[in-house]
Amino acid sequence: MVQPKNKHLIDLRFLEGPRSRWKEFRSVLSIANEFIYGFRRLHFVGPCVTFFGSARFQEDHPYYEAAR
């Protein structure tokens, strides 16, 4: 998978306003492709646990400590 040079530029596209249906369709395909790629990679790992989320808690937060 080719990573963009600046991921923030991709995120800014959503703030530019309406786009053509073709561009929206390509975006949906790209996002779906990323999901499929990720889940296929996990499929061959075997039994495992996956966490989806973000790093919003500081290291001293109780939730962060509980997850360790």
C-alpha atoms as a PDB file:
ATOM      1  CA  MET A   1       0.000   0.000   0.000  1.00  0.00           C
ATOM      2  CA  VAL A   2       1.362   3.404  -0.923  1.00  0.00           C
ATOM      3  CA  GLN A   3       1.316   5.897   1.917  1.00  0.00           C
ATOM      4  CA  PRO A   4       0.663   9.531   1.027  1.00  0.00           C
ATOM      5  CA  LYS A   5       3.485  11.996   1.588  1.00  0.00           C
ATOM      6  CA  ASN A   6       1.337  14.073   3.909  1.00  0.00           C
ATOM      7  CA  LYS A   7      -1.634  12.341   5.508  1.00  0.00           C
ATOM      8  CA  HIS A   8      -2.977  15.673   6.792  1.00  0.00           C
ATOM      9  CA  LEU A   9      -3.662  16.788   3.219  1.00  0.00           C
ATOM     10  CA  ILE A  10      -6.003  13.842   2.770  1.00  0.00           C
ATOM     11  CA  ASP A  11      -7.874  14.759   5.953  1.00  0.00           C
ATOM     12  CA  LEU A  12      -8.255  18.355   4.762  1.00  0.00           C
ATOM     13  CA  ARG A  13     -10.138  17.212   1.648  1.00  0.00           C
ATOM     14  CA  PHE A  14     -13.176  16.599   3.830  1.00  0.00           C
ATOM     15  CA  LEU A  15     -13.250  20.280   4.767  1.00  0.00           C
ATOM     16  CA  GLU A  16     -13.165  21.531   1.178  1.00  0.00           C
ATOM     17  CA  GLY A  17     -16.864  21.001   0.606  1.00  0.00           C
ATOM     18  CA  PRO A  18     -18.840  18.902  -1.867  1.00  0.00           C
ATOM     19  CA  ARG A  19     -16.967  16.793  -4.398  1.00  0.00           C
ATOM     20  CA  SER A  20     -18.080  14.903  -7.460  1.00  0.00           C
ATOM     21  CA  ARG A  21     -19.707  11.517  -6.997  1.00  0.00           C
ATOM     22  CA  TRP A  22     -16.760   9.885  -8.731  1.00  0.00           C
ATOM     23  CA  LYS A  23     -14.281  11.376  -6.235  1.00  0.00           C
ATOM     24  CA  GLU A  24     -16.501  10.351  -3.324  1.00  0.00           C
ATOM     25  CA  PHE A  25     -16.759   6.838  -4.754  1.00  0.00           C
ATOM     26  CA  ARG A  26     -12.969   6.622  -5.069  1.00  0.00           C
ATOM     27  CA  SER A  27     -12.630   7.738  -1.445  1.00  0.00           C
ATOM     28  CA  VAL A  28     -15.050   5.044  -0.291  1.00  0.00           C
ATOM     29  CA  LEU A  29     -13.134   2.413  -2.262  1.00  0.00           C
ATOM     30  CA  SER A  30      -9.855   3.573  -0.760  1.00  0.00           C
ATOM     31  CA  ILE A  31     -11.217   3.410   2.794  1.00  0.00           C
ATOM     32  CA  ALA A  32     -12.780  -0.014   2.163  1.00  0.00           C
ATOM     33  CA  ASN A  33      -9.472  -1.217   0.748  1.00  0.00           C
ATOM     34  CA  GLU A  34      -7.681  -0.146   3.935  1.00  0.00           C
ATOM     35  CA  PHE A  35     -10.179  -2.084   6.078  1.00  0.00           C
ATOM     36  CA  ILE A  36      -9.871  -5.199   3.927  1.00  0.00           C
ATOM     37  CA  TYR A  37      -6.086  -4.978   3.983  1.00  0.00           C
ATOM     38  CA  GLY A  38      -6.034  -4.660   7.777  1.00  0.00           C
ATOM     39  CA  PHE A  39      -8.475  -7.476   8.444  1.00  0.00           C
ATOM     40  CA  ARG A  40      -6.724  -9.796   5.980  1.00  0.00           C
ATOM     41  CA  ARG A  41      -3.453  -9.153   7.759  1.00  0.00           C
ATOM     42  CA  LEU A  42      -5.099 -10.021  11.078  1.00  0.00           C
ATOM     43  CA  HIS A  43      -6.728 -13.136   9.602  1.00  0.00           C
ATOM     44  CA  PHE A  44      -3.372 -14.848   9.180  1.00  0.00           C
ATOM     45  CA  VAL A  45      -2.143 -13.912  12.671  1.00  0.00           C
ATOM     46  CA  GLY A  46      -4.481 -16.348  14.400  1.00  0.00           C
ATOM     47  CA  PRO A  47      -6.437 -15.730  17.592  1.00  0.00           C
ATOM     48  CA  CYS A  48      -5.699 -12.248  18.864  1.00  0.00           C
ATOM     49  CA  VAL A  49      -7.228  -9.113  20.322  1.00  0.00           C
ATOM     50  CA  THR A  50      -7.342  -5.849  18.406  1.00  0.00           C
ATOM     51  CA  PHE A  51      -7.858  -2.429  19.948  1.00  0.00           C
ATOM     52  CA  PHE A  52      -9.238   0.367  17.802  1.00  0.00           C
ATOM     53  CA  GLY A  53      -9.061   3.835  19.234  1.00  0.00           C
ATOM     54  CA  SER A  54      -6.849   6.776  19.886  1.00  0.00           C
ATOM     55  CA  ALA A  55      -4.343   7.895  22.470  1.00  0.00           C
ATOM     56  CA  ARG A  56      -6.452  10.445  24.307  1.00  0.00           C
ATOM     57  CA  PHE A  57      -5.437   9.529  27.833  1.00  0.00           C
ATOM     58  CA  GLN A  58      -2.222  10.510  29.549  1.00  0.00           C
ATOM     59  CA  GLU A  59       0.019   7.795  30.977  1.00  0.00           C
ATOM     60  CA  ASP A  60      -1.077   8.609  34.542  1.00  0.00           C
ATOM     61  CA  HIS A  61      -4.812   8.300  33.769  1.00  0.00           C
ATOM     62  CA  PRO A  62      -6.599   5.356  35.480  1.00  0.00           C
ATOM     63  CA  TYR A  63      -7.917   4.023  32.148  1.00  0.00           C
ATOM     64  CA  TYR A  64      -4.409   4.012  30.720  1.00  0.00           C
ATOM     65  CA  GLU A  65      -3.124   2.139  33.772  1.00  0.00           C
ATOM     66  CA  ALA A  66      -5.995  -0.377  33.584  1.00  0.00           C
ATOM     67  CA  ALA A  67      -5.207  -1.151  29.950  1.00  0.00           C
ATOM     68  CA  ARG A  68      -1.584  -2.004  30.691  1.00  0.00           C
END
